[in-house]
Amino acid sequence: MPKEERQELRRSQKKRKKSRKKRVIRNIFLIVILLLLIPAAYAGYLYVKAGNLAGDSYQDDGRDKSSLRDNAVDPAEDSVSVLFIGSDSSEKREDQNIGKRSDTMILATFNKDEKSIKMLSVPRDTYTYVPYLERNTKINSSYNGGPTATVEAVEELLQVPVDYYVDVNFEAFISVVNALDGVTVDVPYELEEMNSKDEKGAIHLQPGKQKLNGEEALALARTRKQDSDFARSERQQQIIKAMMDKATDLSSVLKYSDLLEAVGSNMQTNMTFDEMKSFVSYGVNNNLSMETIELEGQGGTGIVPGYNAWAFVPDPTSLANATQTLRDQLELPPLDSASTTTTSP
């Protein structure tokens, strides 16, 4: 091949290589743009949808602030607390004219500076003074007065301000777990439990680590036949952590619309949408610290003089320590011994 032709061939090959390189760079650039624009558009859609659902779920509780606060708080700037209430208001209970109840109560305190969360499960059978009923009884009976009455009962027990509440029923819990395509948790023992319709023995689980659907996760969260309220609280927090881990995983991004639908009309809160958005900073923090607090005590029938039903009585030292830990998390001053709450009748 003549020298001129070889040079022309090399020039042509170089041009093709440069052209291919430009196409590759251009395609990569387009892919990056698409990866940025699609989530942005999806996030915009979710933003509007979340705002609409939050508006439907919002309930003004008539409180500018907790009675245990000197000033109103802003979750965008302050450390705040949220009481998560899992309520049982099934059709069967309504048909049988059985009062509503709060089956799960978890007080979470959010420290704005440390980006940390501390959670305390309040056993539903905790015997304490319930302001709504103006007497000592089980704390879950406070829910007959609605979530605000439960907030007041938790504040009375712990002497920790409850700034916000999020009240979700069993249907929301089941739908969220299903929208996440289940959650993986460790089932401690074989169990048979009723489902959300109160059908006895409808759920049968074997021990071991496994993925549970909504009904199964609810059964595990509710059961306490083979252990205690304390173990039950641990299981509930384990399930919540599993749900949070699954929800924040990148593989769940396209399920957010389903998650919003799952909560939908099954949630009630005194938190506005703007206030909800303030908690995003916790979810996107890679160094987020989560800690569970244990409330120790004794449970049994007749453990409270003159009260013949089963009840849980917190250990005074454990209760005081839990109170102090939560108040420290909220950057509040310690309580003096005269301000602690008694659970005696």
C-alpha atoms as a PDB file:
ATOM      1  CA  MET A   1       0.000   0.000   0.000  1.00  0.00           C
ATOM      2  CA  PRO A   2       1.430   3.428  -0.956  1.00  0.00           C
ATOM      3  CA  LYS A   3       2.562   5.678   1.847  1.00  0.00           C
ATOM      4  CA  GLU A   4      -0.110   8.310   1.119  1.00  0.00           C
ATOM      5  CA  GLU A   5      -2.905   5.700   1.373  1.00  0.00           C
ATOM      6  CA  ARG A   6      -1.548   4.372   4.668  1.00  0.00           C
ATOM      7  CA  GLN A   7      -1.503   7.885   6.114  1.00  0.00           C
ATOM      8  CA  GLU A   8      -5.035   8.521   4.898  1.00  0.00           C
ATOM      9  CA  LEU A   9      -6.183   5.228   6.421  1.00  0.00           C
ATOM     10  CA  ARG A  10      -4.620   6.137   9.770  1.00  0.00           C
ATOM     11  CA  ARG A  11      -6.271   9.569   9.674  1.00  0.00           C
ATOM     12  CA  SER A  12      -9.620   7.948   8.884  1.00  0.00           C
ATOM     13  CA  GLN A  13      -9.221   5.442  11.742  1.00  0.00           C
ATOM     14  CA  LYS A  14      -8.324   8.252  14.137  1.00  0.00           C
ATOM     15  CA  LYS A  15     -11.408  10.185  13.078  1.00  0.00           C
ATOM     16  CA  ARG A  16     -13.626   7.116  13.661  1.00  0.00           C
ATOM     17  CA  LYS A  17     -12.045   6.560  17.075  1.00  0.00           C
ATOM     18  CA  LYS A  18     -12.596  10.208  17.999  1.00  0.00           C
ATOM     19  CA  SER A  19     -16.167   9.974  16.718  1.00  0.00           C
ATOM     20  CA  ARG A  20     -16.833   6.816  18.751  1.00  0.00           C
ATOM     21  CA  LYS A  21     -15.244   8.448  21.801  1.00  0.00           C
ATOM     22  CA  LYS A  22     -17.464  11.514  21.372  1.00  0.00           C
ATOM     23  CA  ARG A  23     -20.550   9.269  21.059  1.00  0.00           C
ATOM     24  CA  VAL A  24     -19.588   7.387  24.222  1.00  0.00           C
ATOM     25  CA  ILE A  25     -19.020  10.636  26.152  1.00  0.00           C
ATOM     26  CA  ARG A  26     -22.260  12.059  24.771  1.00  0.00           C
ATOM     27  CA  ASN A  27     -24.203   8.925  25.706  1.00  0.00           C
ATOM     28  CA  ILE A  28     -22.722   8.898  29.203  1.00  0.00           C
ATOM     29  CA  PHE A  29     -23.635  12.571  29.522  1.00  0.00           C
ATOM     30  CA  LEU A  30     -27.205  11.835  28.404  1.00  0.00           C
ATOM     31  CA  ILE A  31     -27.477   8.929  30.832  1.00  0.00           C
ATOM     32  CA  VAL A  32     -26.315  11.168  33.698  1.00  0.00           C
ATOM     33  CA  ILE A  33     -28.873  13.809  32.714  1.00  0.00           C
ATOM     34  CA  LEU A  34     -31.628  11.193  32.599  1.00  0.00           C
ATOM     35  CA  LEU A  35     -30.595   9.786  35.969  1.00  0.00           C
ATOM     36  CA  LEU A  36     -30.803  13.282  37.388  1.00  0.00           C
ATOM     37  CA  LEU A  37     -33.982  14.402  35.677  1.00  0.00           C
ATOM     38  CA  ILE A  38     -36.078  11.268  36.161  1.00  0.00           C
ATOM     39  CA  PRO A  39     -35.672  11.147  39.960  1.00  0.00           C
ATOM     40  CA  ALA A  40     -36.180  14.913  40.074  1.00  0.00           C
ATOM     41  CA  ALA A  41     -39.448  14.618  38.170  1.00  0.00           C
ATOM     42  CA  TYR A  42     -40.458  11.642  40.306  1.00  0.00           C
ATOM     43  CA  ALA A  43     -39.513  13.530  43.466  1.00  0.00           C
ATOM     44  CA  GLY A  44     -41.648  16.447  42.318  1.00  0.00           C
ATOM     45  CA  TYR A  45     -44.583  14.122  41.795  1.00  0.00           C
ATOM     46  CA  LEU A  46     -44.027  12.571  45.212  1.00  0.00           C
ATOM     47  CA  TYR A  47     -43.698  16.001  46.791  1.00  0.00           C
ATOM     48  CA  VAL A  48     -47.095  17.075  45.509  1.00  0.00           C
ATOM     49  CA  LYS A  49     -48.646  13.736  46.432  1.00  0.00           C
ATOM     50  CA  ALA A  50     -47.144  13.751  49.923  1.00  0.00           C
ATOM     51  CA  GLY A  51     -48.354  17.296  50.458  1.00  0.00           C
ATOM     52  CA  ASN A  52     -51.906  16.347  49.515  1.00  0.00           C
ATOM     53  CA  LEU A  53     -51.900  13.275  51.769  1.00  0.00           C
ATOM     54  CA  ALA A  54     -50.346  15.224  54.639  1.00  0.00           C
ATOM     55  CA  GLY A  55     -53.064  17.823  54.305  1.00  0.00           C
ATOM     56  CA  ASP A  56     -55.731  15.142  54.500  1.00  0.00           C
ATOM     57  CA  SER A  57     -54.070  13.547  57.547  1.00  0.00           C
ATOM     58  CA  TYR A  58     -53.534  16.740  59.508  1.00  0.00           C
ATOM     59  CA  GLN A  59     -55.638  17.252  62.628  1.00  0.00           C
ATOM     60  CA  ASP A  60     -55.322  20.405  64.702  1.00  0.00           C
ATOM     61  CA  ASP A  61     -55.072  19.229  68.307  1.00  0.00           C
ATOM     62  CA  GLY A  62     -55.625  22.726  69.679  1.00  0.00           C
ATOM     63  CA  ARG A  63     -52.185  22.854  71.305  1.00  0.00           C
ATOM     64  CA  ASP A  64     -49.651  25.533  70.393  1.00  0.00           C
ATOM     65  CA  LYS A  65     -47.090  23.575  72.408  1.00  0.00           C
ATOM     66  CA  SER A  66     -46.767  20.852  75.007  1.00  0.00           C
ATOM     67  CA  SER A  67     -47.693  21.900  78.545  1.00  0.00           C
ATOM     68  CA  LEU A  68     -44.202  20.706  79.532  1.00  0.00           C
ATOM     69  CA  ARG A  69     -42.556  23.220  77.183  1.00  0.00           C
ATOM     70  CA  ASP A  70     -41.795  26.845  77.994  1.00  0.00           C
ATOM     71  CA  ASN A  71     -41.841  27.766  74.308  1.00  0.00           C
ATOM     72  CA  ALA A  72     -43.154  26.338  71.060  1.00  0.00           C
ATOM     73  CA  VAL A  73     -40.673  24.274  69.035  1.00  0.00           C
ATOM     74  CA  ASP A  74     -39.745  24.124  65.365  1.00  0.00           C
ATOM     75  CA  PRO A  75     -38.386  20.745  64.138  1.00  0.00           C
ATOM     76  CA  ALA A  76     -36.272  22.588  61.566  1.00  0.00           C
ATOM     77  CA  GLU A  77     -34.297  24.196  64.386  1.00  0.00           C
ATOM     78  CA  ASP A  78     -35.056  22.361  67.641  1.00  0.00           C
ATOM     79  CA  SER A  79     -34.785  18.884  69.079  1.00  0.00           C
ATOM     80  CA  VAL A  80     -38.314  17.488  69.251  1.00  0.00           C
ATOM     81  CA  SER A  81     -40.293  14.399  70.175  1.00  0.00           C
ATOM     82  CA  VAL A  82     -42.851  12.372  68.231  1.00  0.00           C
ATOM     83  CA  LEU A  83     -45.238   9.832  69.730  1.00  0.00           C
ATOM     84  CA  PHE A  84     -45.974   7.034  67.273  1.00  0.00           C
ATOM     85  CA  ILE A  85     -49.309   5.407  68.057  1.00  0.00           C
ATOM     86  CA  GLY A  86     -50.411   2.125  66.548  1.00  0.00           C
ATOM     87  CA  SER A  87     -54.161   2.057  67.056  1.00  0.00           C
ATOM     88  CA  ASP A  88     -56.630  -0.776  66.778  1.00  0.00           C
ATOM     89  CA  SER A  89     -59.965   0.440  65.487  1.00  0.00           C
ATOM     90  CA  SER A  90     -61.044  -2.607  63.502  1.00  0.00           C
ATOM     91  CA  GLU A  91     -64.590  -3.038  62.211  1.00  0.00           C
ATOM     92  CA  LYS A  92     -65.036  -6.022  64.531  1.00  0.00           C
ATOM     93  CA  ARG A  93     -64.293  -3.876  67.580  1.00  0.00           C
ATOM     94  CA  GLU A  94     -66.753  -1.259  66.347  1.00  0.00           C
ATOM     95  CA  ASP A  95     -69.435  -3.888  65.645  1.00  0.00           C
ATOM     96  CA  GLN A  96     -69.013  -5.313  69.153  1.00  0.00           C
ATOM     97  CA  ASN A  97     -69.029  -1.804  70.630  1.00  0.00           C
ATOM     98  CA  ILE A  98     -65.561  -2.343  72.102  1.00  0.00           C
ATOM     99  CA  GLY A  99     -63.653   0.842  72.864  1.00  0.00           C
ATOM    100  CA  LYS A 100     -60.745   1.888  70.685  1.00  0.00           C
ATOM    101  CA  ARG A 101     -57.263   1.212  72.006  1.00  0.00           C
ATOM    102  CA  SER A 102     -53.675   2.167  71.335  1.00  0.00           C
ATOM    103  CA  ASP A 103     -51.939  -1.137  70.813  1.00  0.00           C
ATOM    104  CA  THR A 104     -48.465   0.388  70.380  1.00  0.00           C
ATOM    105  CA  MET A 105     -46.909   3.566  71.763  1.00  0.00           C
ATOM    106  CA  ILE A 106     -43.335   4.528  70.899  1.00  0.00           C
ATOM    107  CA  LEU A 107     -41.944   7.890  71.928  1.00  0.00           C
ATOM    108  CA  ALA A 108     -39.080   8.966  69.676  1.00  0.00           C
ATOM    109  CA  THR A 109     -36.862  11.928  70.526  1.00  0.00           C
ATOM    110  CA  PHE A 110     -34.897  13.616  67.728  1.00  0.00           C
ATOM    111  CA  ASN A 111     -31.720  15.546  68.572  1.00  0.00           C
ATOM    112  CA  LYS A 112     -31.130  18.142  65.877  1.00  0.00           C
ATOM    113  CA  ASP A 113     -27.426  18.734  66.516  1.00  0.00           C
ATOM    114  CA  GLU A 114     -26.324  15.115  66.947  1.00  0.00           C
ATOM    115  CA  LYS A 115     -28.711  13.755  64.286  1.00  0.00           C
ATOM    116  CA  SER A 116     -29.684  10.992  66.695  1.00  0.00           C
ATOM    117  CA  ILE A 117     -32.942   9.285  67.619  1.00  0.00           C
ATOM    118  CA  LYS A 118     -33.799   7.589  70.901  1.00  0.00           C
ATOM    119  CA  MET A 119     -36.929   5.437  71.105  1.00  0.00           C
ATOM    120  CA  LEU A 120     -38.863   4.232  74.122  1.00  0.00           C
ATOM    121  CA  SER A 121     -41.711   1.732  73.830  1.00  0.00           C
ATOM    122  CA  VAL A 122     -44.421   2.319  76.417  1.00  0.00           C
ATOM    123  CA  PRO A 123     -46.126  -0.991  77.286  1.00  0.00           C
ATOM    124  CA  ARG A 124     -49.822  -0.662  76.567  1.00  0.00           C
ATOM    125  CA  ASP A 125     -50.764  -2.122  79.980  1.00  0.00           C
ATOM    126  CA  THR A 126     -48.664   0.396  81.912  1.00  0.00           C
ATOM    127  CA  TYR A 127     -50.593   1.420  85.016  1.00  0.00           C
ATOM    128  CA  THR A 128     -50.529   5.189  85.394  1.00  0.00           C
ATOM    129  CA  TYR A 129     -52.676   8.267  85.866  1.00  0.00           C
ATOM    130  CA  VAL A 130     -54.701   9.035  82.742  1.00  0.00           C
ATOM    131  CA  PRO A 131     -55.750  12.720  82.704  1.00  0.00           C
ATOM    132  CA  TYR A 132     -58.577  12.112  80.233  1.00  0.00           C
ATOM    133  CA  LEU A 133     -60.226   9.609  82.585  1.00  0.00           C
ATOM    134  CA  GLU A 134     -59.076  11.431  85.751  1.00  0.00           C
ATOM    135  CA  ARG A 135     -57.974   8.194  87.369  1.00  0.00           C
ATOM    136  CA  ASN A 136     -55.246   5.580  87.415  1.00  0.00           C
ATOM    137  CA  THR A 137     -55.664   2.765  84.907  1.00  0.00           C
ATOM    138  CA  LYS A 138     -53.914   1.169  81.905  1.00  0.00           C
ATOM    139  CA  ILE A 139     -52.405   3.779  79.641  1.00  0.00           C
ATOM    140  CA  ASN A 140     -53.877   2.298  76.432  1.00  0.00           C
ATOM    141  CA  SER A 141     -57.388   3.148  77.652  1.00  0.00           C
ATOM    142  CA  SER A 142     -56.475   6.808  77.150  1.00  0.00           C
ATOM    143  CA  TYR A 143     -57.038   6.329  73.415  1.00  0.00           C
ATOM    144  CA  ASN A 144     -60.790   6.366  73.985  1.00  0.00           C
ATOM    145  CA  GLY A 145     -60.264  10.121  74.199  1.00  0.00           C
ATOM    146  CA  GLY A 146     -58.301  10.143  70.948  1.00  0.00           C
ATOM    147  CA  PRO A 147     -54.590  10.592  70.239  1.00  0.00           C
ATOM    148  CA  THR A 148     -54.369  13.873  72.168  1.00  0.00           C
ATOM    149  CA  ALA A 149     -55.552  12.093  75.314  1.00  0.00           C
ATOM    150  CA  THR A 150     -52.860   9.455  74.750  1.00  0.00           C
ATOM    151  CA  VAL A 151     -50.257  12.210  74.322  1.00  0.00           C
ATOM    152  CA  GLU A 152     -51.300  13.688  77.670  1.00  0.00           C
ATOM    153  CA  ALA A 153     -51.125  10.276  79.374  1.00  0.00           C
ATOM    154  CA  VAL A 154     -47.605   9.627  78.034  1.00  0.00           C
ATOM    155  CA  GLU A 155     -46.494  13.080  79.178  1.00  0.00           C
ATOM    156  CA  GLU A 156     -47.977  12.401  82.608  1.00  0.00           C
ATOM    157  CA  LEU A 157     -46.100   9.104  82.880  1.00  0.00           C
ATOM    158  CA  LEU A 158     -42.712  10.224  81.563  1.00  0.00           C
ATOM    159  CA  GLN A 159     -42.661  13.950  82.302  1.00  0.00           C
ATOM    160  CA  VAL A 160     -41.250  14.421  78.822  1.00  0.00           C
ATOM    161  CA  PRO A 161     -42.956  16.802  76.380  1.00  0.00           C
ATOM    162  CA  VAL A 162     -44.623  15.197  73.371  1.00  0.00           C
ATOM    163  CA  ASP A 163     -44.418  17.744  70.579  1.00  0.00           C
ATOM    164  CA  TYR A 164     -46.071  15.715  67.825  1.00  0.00           C
ATOM    165  CA  TYR A 165     -47.963  12.501  67.345  1.00  0.00           C
ATOM    166  CA  VAL A 166     -48.430  10.205  64.365  1.00  0.00           C
ATOM    167  CA  ASP A 167     -51.376   7.861  64.736  1.00  0.00           C
ATOM    168  CA  VAL A 168     -51.557   4.989  62.244  1.00  0.00           C
ATOM    169  CA  ASN A 169     -53.951   2.060  62.327  1.00  0.00           C
ATOM    170  CA  PHE A 170     -53.241  -1.575  61.552  1.00  0.00           C
ATOM    171  CA  GLU A 171     -54.258  -1.203  57.917  1.00  0.00           C
ATOM    172  CA  ALA A 172     -51.502   1.378  57.362  1.00  0.00           C
ATOM    173  CA  PHE A 173     -48.909  -0.877  58.984  1.00  0.00           C
ATOM    174  CA  ILE A 174     -49.904  -3.847  56.836  1.00  0.00           C
ATOM    175  CA  SER A 175     -50.017  -1.795  53.635  1.00  0.00           C
ATOM    176  CA  VAL A 176     -46.612  -0.190  54.244  1.00  0.00           C
ATOM    177  CA  VAL A 177     -44.908  -3.546  54.834  1.00  0.00           C
ATOM    178  CA  ASN A 178     -46.557  -4.965  51.716  1.00  0.00           C
ATOM    179  CA  ALA A 179     -45.568  -1.906  49.669  1.00  0.00           C
ATOM    180  CA  LEU A 180     -41.969  -2.560  50.735  1.00  0.00           C
ATOM    181  CA  ASP A 181     -42.362  -6.135  49.488  1.00  0.00           C
ATOM    182  CA  GLY A 182     -42.053  -7.395  53.068  1.00  0.00           C
ATOM    183  CA  VAL A 183     -39.461  -6.936  55.807  1.00  0.00           C
ATOM    184  CA  THR A 184     -36.828  -9.383  57.014  1.00  0.00           C
ATOM    185  CA  VAL A 185     -36.764  -9.978  60.783  1.00  0.00           C
ATOM    186  CA  ASP A 186     -35.845 -12.735  63.207  1.00  0.00           C
ATOM    187  CA  VAL A 187     -38.902 -14.573  64.545  1.00  0.00           C
ATOM    188  CA  PRO A 188     -37.908 -15.734  68.063  1.00  0.00           C
ATOM    189  CA  TYR A 189     -40.250 -18.729  68.322  1.00  0.00           C
ATOM    190  CA  GLU A 190     -43.103 -20.569  66.649  1.00  0.00           C
ATOM    191  CA  LEU A 191     -46.297 -18.636  67.062  1.00  0.00           C
ATOM    192  CA  GLU A 192     -49.952 -18.682  66.142  1.00  0.00           C
ATOM    193  CA  GLU A 193     -51.661 -15.333  66.271  1.00  0.00           C
ATOM    194  CA  MET A 194     -54.833 -13.632  65.097  1.00  0.00           C
ATOM    195  CA  ASN A 195     -54.776 -11.433  62.018  1.00  0.00           C
ATOM    196  CA  SER A 196     -55.919  -7.832  61.672  1.00  0.00           C
ATOM    197  CA  LYS A 197     -59.535  -9.046  61.476  1.00  0.00           C
ATOM    198  CA  ASP A 198     -59.152 -10.729  64.889  1.00  0.00           C
ATOM    199  CA  GLU A 199     -59.416 -14.198  63.329  1.00  0.00           C
ATOM    200  CA  LYS A 200     -57.679 -16.477  65.827  1.00  0.00           C
ATOM    201  CA  GLY A 201     -54.827 -18.694  64.576  1.00  0.00           C
ATOM    202  CA  ALA A 202     -54.857 -17.102  61.122  1.00  0.00           C
ATOM    203  CA  ILE A 203     -51.104 -16.413  61.254  1.00  0.00           C
ATOM    204  CA  HIS A 204     -48.649 -19.285  61.850  1.00  0.00           C
ATOM    205  CA  LEU A 205     -44.906 -18.519  61.879  1.00  0.00           C
ATOM    206  CA  GLN A 206     -41.868 -20.707  62.449  1.00  0.00           C
ATOM    207  CA  PRO A 207     -38.774 -19.428  64.317  1.00  0.00           C
ATOM    208  CA  GLY A 208     -35.829 -17.959  62.405  1.00  0.00           C
ATOM    209  CA  LYS A 209     -34.816 -15.053  60.215  1.00  0.00           C
ATOM    210  CA  GLN A 210     -37.311 -14.611  57.387  1.00  0.00           C
ATOM    211  CA  LYS A 211     -39.217 -12.154  55.232  1.00  0.00           C
ATOM    212  CA  LEU A 212     -42.692 -11.340  56.523  1.00  0.00           C
ATOM    213  CA  ASN A 213     -45.640  -9.793  54.746  1.00  0.00           C
ATOM    214  CA  GLY A 214     -47.823  -7.140  56.355  1.00  0.00           C
ATOM    215  CA  GLU A 215     -50.187  -9.457  58.235  1.00  0.00           C
ATOM    216  CA  GLU A 216     -47.293 -11.612  59.469  1.00  0.00           C
ATOM    217  CA  ALA A 217     -45.254  -8.614  60.633  1.00  0.00           C
ATOM    218  CA  LEU A 218     -48.294  -7.270  62.477  1.00  0.00           C
ATOM    219  CA  ALA A 219     -48.854 -10.628  64.192  1.00  0.00           C
ATOM    220  CA  LEU A 220     -45.216 -10.677  65.341  1.00  0.00           C
ATOM    221  CA  ALA A 221     -45.501  -7.095  66.599  1.00  0.00           C
ATOM    222  CA  ARG A 222     -48.676  -7.826  68.562  1.00  0.00           C
ATOM    223  CA  THR A 223     -48.044 -11.231  70.098  1.00  0.00           C
ATOM    224  CA  ARG A 224     -46.961 -11.566  73.723  1.00  0.00           C
ATOM    225  CA  LYS A 225     -48.313 -14.986  74.612  1.00  0.00           C
ATOM    226  CA  GLN A 226     -44.896 -16.578  75.098  1.00  0.00           C
ATOM    227  CA  ASP A 227     -42.872 -13.728  76.554  1.00  0.00           C
ATOM    228  CA  SER A 228     -43.598 -10.280  77.968  1.00  0.00           C
ATOM    229  CA  ASP A 229     -44.473  -6.678  77.220  1.00  0.00           C
ATOM    230  CA  PHE A 230     -40.770  -5.909  77.357  1.00  0.00           C
ATOM    231  CA  ALA A 231     -39.950  -8.511  74.673  1.00  0.00           C
ATOM    232  CA  ARG A 232     -42.919  -7.287  72.670  1.00  0.00           C
ATOM    233  CA  SER A 233     -41.550  -3.741  72.714  1.00  0.00           C
ATOM    234  CA  GLU A 234     -38.181  -5.033  71.508  1.00  0.00           C
ATOM    235  CA  ARG A 235     -39.845  -6.866  68.610  1.00  0.00           C
ATOM    236  CA  GLN A 236     -41.809  -3.773  67.624  1.00  0.00           C
ATOM    237  CA  GLN A 237     -38.681  -1.653  67.516  1.00  0.00           C
ATOM    238  CA  GLN A 238     -36.881  -4.376  65.543  1.00  0.00           C
ATOM    239  CA  ILE A 239     -39.672  -4.348  62.967  1.00  0.00           C
ATOM    240  CA  ILE A 240     -39.687  -0.541  62.765  1.00  0.00           C
ATOM    241  CA  LYS A 241     -35.922  -0.510  62.170  1.00  0.00           C
ATOM    242  CA  ALA A 242     -36.331  -3.148  59.445  1.00  0.00           C
ATOM    243  CA  MET A 243     -39.023  -1.024  57.807  1.00  0.00           C
ATOM    244  CA  MET A 244     -36.860   2.107  57.966  1.00  0.00           C
ATOM    245  CA  ASP A 245     -33.853   0.275  56.519  1.00  0.00           C
ATOM    246  CA  LYS A 246     -35.964  -1.079  53.673  1.00  0.00           C
ATOM    247  CA  ALA A 247     -37.632   2.272  52.991  1.00  0.00           C
ATOM    248  CA  THR A 248     -34.305   4.142  52.788  1.00  0.00           C
ATOM    249  CA  ASP A 249     -32.700   1.559  50.500  1.00  0.00           C
ATOM    250  CA  LEU A 250     -32.232   2.762  46.915  1.00  0.00           C
ATOM    251  CA  SER A 251     -34.175  -0.237  45.625  1.00  0.00           C
ATOM    252  CA  SER A 252     -37.282   1.141  47.350  1.00  0.00           C
ATOM    253  CA  VAL A 253     -37.215   4.574  45.675  1.00  0.00           C
ATOM    254  CA  LEU A 254     -39.782   3.633  43.039  1.00  0.00           C
ATOM    255  CA  LYS A 255     -42.044   2.249  45.781  1.00  0.00           C
ATOM    256  CA  TYR A 256     -42.451   5.608  47.521  1.00  0.00           C
ATOM    257  CA  SER A 257     -45.679   6.340  45.707  1.00  0.00           C
ATOM    258  CA  ASP A 258     -47.104   3.042  46.980  1.00  0.00           C
ATOM    259  CA  LEU A 259     -45.858   3.867  50.478  1.00  0.00           C
ATOM    260  CA  LEU A 260     -47.680   7.183  50.415  1.00  0.00           C
ATOM    261  CA  GLU A 261     -50.832   5.444  49.233  1.00  0.00           C
ATOM    262  CA  ALA A 262     -50.389   2.853  51.998  1.00  0.00           C
ATOM    263  CA  VAL A 263     -50.420   5.511  54.684  1.00  0.00           C
ATOM    264  CA  GLY A 264     -53.079   7.684  53.021  1.00  0.00           C
ATOM    265  CA  SER A 265     -56.303   7.802  54.998  1.00  0.00           C
ATOM    266  CA  ASN A 266     -54.909   5.471  57.643  1.00  0.00           C
ATOM    267  CA  MET A 267     -52.855   8.183  59.341  1.00  0.00           C
ATOM    268  CA  GLN A 268     -53.705  11.089  61.616  1.00  0.00           C
ATOM    269  CA  THR A 269     -51.171  13.634  62.857  1.00  0.00           C
ATOM    270  CA  ASN A 270     -50.864  17.109  64.355  1.00  0.00           C
ATOM    271  CA  MET A 271     -47.816  17.712  62.155  1.00  0.00           C
ATOM    272  CA  THR A 272     -48.087  19.979  59.134  1.00  0.00           C
ATOM    273  CA  PHE A 273     -46.397  19.086  55.853  1.00  0.00           C
ATOM    274  CA  ASP A 274     -43.756  21.785  56.380  1.00  0.00           C
ATOM    275  CA  GLU A 275     -42.968  20.300  59.787  1.00  0.00           C
ATOM    276  CA  MET A 276     -42.770  16.799  58.298  1.00  0.00           C
ATOM    277  CA  LYS A 277     -40.211  17.986  55.746  1.00  0.00           C
ATOM    278  CA  SER A 278     -37.928  19.067  58.590  1.00  0.00           C
ATOM    279  CA  PHE A 279     -37.322  15.415  59.488  1.00  0.00           C
ATOM    280  CA  VAL A 280     -35.822  14.618  56.081  1.00  0.00           C
ATOM    281  CA  SER A 281     -32.410  15.707  57.381  1.00  0.00           C
ATOM    282  CA  TYR A 282     -32.399  12.702  59.721  1.00  0.00           C
ATOM    283  CA  GLY A 283     -33.242  10.226  56.978  1.00  0.00           C
ATOM    284  CA  VAL A 284     -30.525  11.379  54.595  1.00  0.00           C
ATOM    285  CA  ASN A 285     -27.783  11.461  57.235  1.00  0.00           C
ATOM    286  CA  ASN A 286     -25.376   8.545  56.812  1.00  0.00           C
ATOM    287  CA  ASN A 287     -24.248   8.853  60.433  1.00  0.00           C
ATOM    288  CA  LEU A 288     -27.736   8.745  61.919  1.00  0.00           C
ATOM    289  CA  SER A 289     -27.656   7.158  65.366  1.00  0.00           C
ATOM    290  CA  MET A 290     -30.658   5.195  66.651  1.00  0.00           C
ATOM    291  CA  GLU A 291     -30.933   3.840  70.172  1.00  0.00           C
ATOM    292  CA  THR A 292     -33.711   2.005  71.983  1.00  0.00           C
ATOM    293  CA  ILE A 293     -34.419   2.580  75.662  1.00  0.00           C
ATOM    294  CA  GLU A 294     -35.760  -0.136  77.919  1.00  0.00           C
ATOM    295  CA  LEU A 295     -38.458   0.481  80.501  1.00  0.00           C
ATOM    296  CA  GLU A 296     -38.201  -2.204  83.150  1.00  0.00           C
ATOM    297  CA  GLY A 297     -40.834  -3.149  85.692  1.00  0.00           C
ATOM    298  CA  GLN A 298     -43.212  -5.835  86.903  1.00  0.00           C
ATOM    299  CA  GLY A 299     -46.354  -7.172  85.318  1.00  0.00           C
ATOM    300  CA  GLY A 300     -49.107  -9.407  86.578  1.00  0.00           C
ATOM    301  CA  THR A 301     -52.679  -9.743  87.782  1.00  0.00           C
ATOM    302  CA  GLY A 302     -53.362  -8.123  91.136  1.00  0.00           C
ATOM    303  CA  ILE A 303     -49.931  -6.476  91.194  1.00  0.00           C
ATOM    304  CA  VAL A 304     -51.649  -3.145  91.871  1.00  0.00           C
ATOM    305  CA  PRO A 305     -53.662  -3.174  95.144  1.00  0.00           C
ATOM    306  CA  GLY A 306     -57.369  -2.936  94.417  1.00  0.00           C
ATOM    307  CA  TYR A 307     -56.877  -3.462  90.678  1.00  0.00           C
ATOM    308  CA  ASN A 308     -57.614  -7.043  89.643  1.00  0.00           C
ATOM    309  CA  ALA A 309     -56.745  -6.861  85.948  1.00  0.00           C
ATOM    310  CA  TRP A 310     -53.307  -7.579  84.447  1.00  0.00           C
ATOM    311  CA  ALA A 311     -51.086  -4.484  84.567  1.00  0.00           C
ATOM    312  CA  PHE A 312     -47.484  -3.390  84.128  1.00  0.00           C
ATOM    313  CA  VAL A 313     -45.891  -1.220  86.817  1.00  0.00           C
ATOM    314  CA  PRO A 314     -42.632   0.496  85.787  1.00  0.00           C
ATOM    315  CA  ASP A 315     -39.665   0.272  88.124  1.00  0.00           C
ATOM    316  CA  PRO A 316     -39.251   3.797  89.602  1.00  0.00           C
ATOM    317  CA  THR A 317     -35.504   3.887  88.940  1.00  0.00           C
ATOM    318  CA  SER A 318     -35.903   2.634  85.368  1.00  0.00           C
ATOM    319  CA  LEU A 319     -38.672   5.172  84.753  1.00  0.00           C
ATOM    320  CA  ALA A 320     -36.558   8.013  86.157  1.00  0.00           C
ATOM    321  CA  ASN A 321     -33.563   6.979  84.033  1.00  0.00           C
ATOM    322  CA  ALA A 322     -35.697   6.784  80.888  1.00  0.00           C
ATOM    323  CA  THR A 323     -37.149  10.209  81.630  1.00  0.00           C
ATOM    324  CA  GLN A 324     -33.709  11.719  82.105  1.00  0.00           C
ATOM    325  CA  THR A 325     -32.323  10.117  78.935  1.00  0.00           C
ATOM    326  CA  LEU A 326     -35.185  11.459  76.833  1.00  0.00           C
ATOM    327  CA  ARG A 327     -35.005  14.912  78.407  1.00  0.00           C
ATOM    328  CA  ASP A 328     -31.257  15.027  77.763  1.00  0.00           C
ATOM    329  CA  GLN A 329     -31.936  14.108  74.143  1.00  0.00           C
ATOM    330  CA  LEU A 330     -34.331  17.057  73.922  1.00  0.00           C
ATOM    331  CA  GLU A 331     -31.789  19.306  75.660  1.00  0.00           C
ATOM    332  CA  LEU A 332     -34.123  19.951  78.577  1.00  0.00           C
ATOM    333  CA  PRO A 333     -33.071  20.525  82.192  1.00  0.00           C
ATOM    334  CA  PRO A 334     -33.274  17.580  84.630  1.00  0.00           C
ATOM    335  CA  LEU A 335     -36.322  17.102  86.810  1.00  0.00           C
ATOM    336  CA  ASP A 336     -36.143  17.388  90.561  1.00  0.00           C
ATOM    337  CA  SER A 337     -37.393  14.421  92.564  1.00  0.00           C
ATOM    338  CA  ALA A 338     -40.569  16.266  93.569  1.00  0.00           C
ATOM    339  CA  SER A 339     -41.754  16.489  89.945  1.00  0.00           C
ATOM    340  CA  THR A 340     -41.671  12.761  89.135  1.00  0.00           C
ATOM    341  CA  THR A 341     -44.951  10.991  88.444  1.00  0.00           C
ATOM    342  CA  THR A 342     -46.338   8.221  90.597  1.00  0.00           C
ATOM    343  CA  THR A 343     -48.239   5.233  89.240  1.00  0.00           C
ATOM    344  CA  SER A 344     -49.824   4.243  92.509  1.00  0.00           C
ATOM    345  CA  PRO A 345     -53.626   4.308  92.751  1.00  0.00           C
END
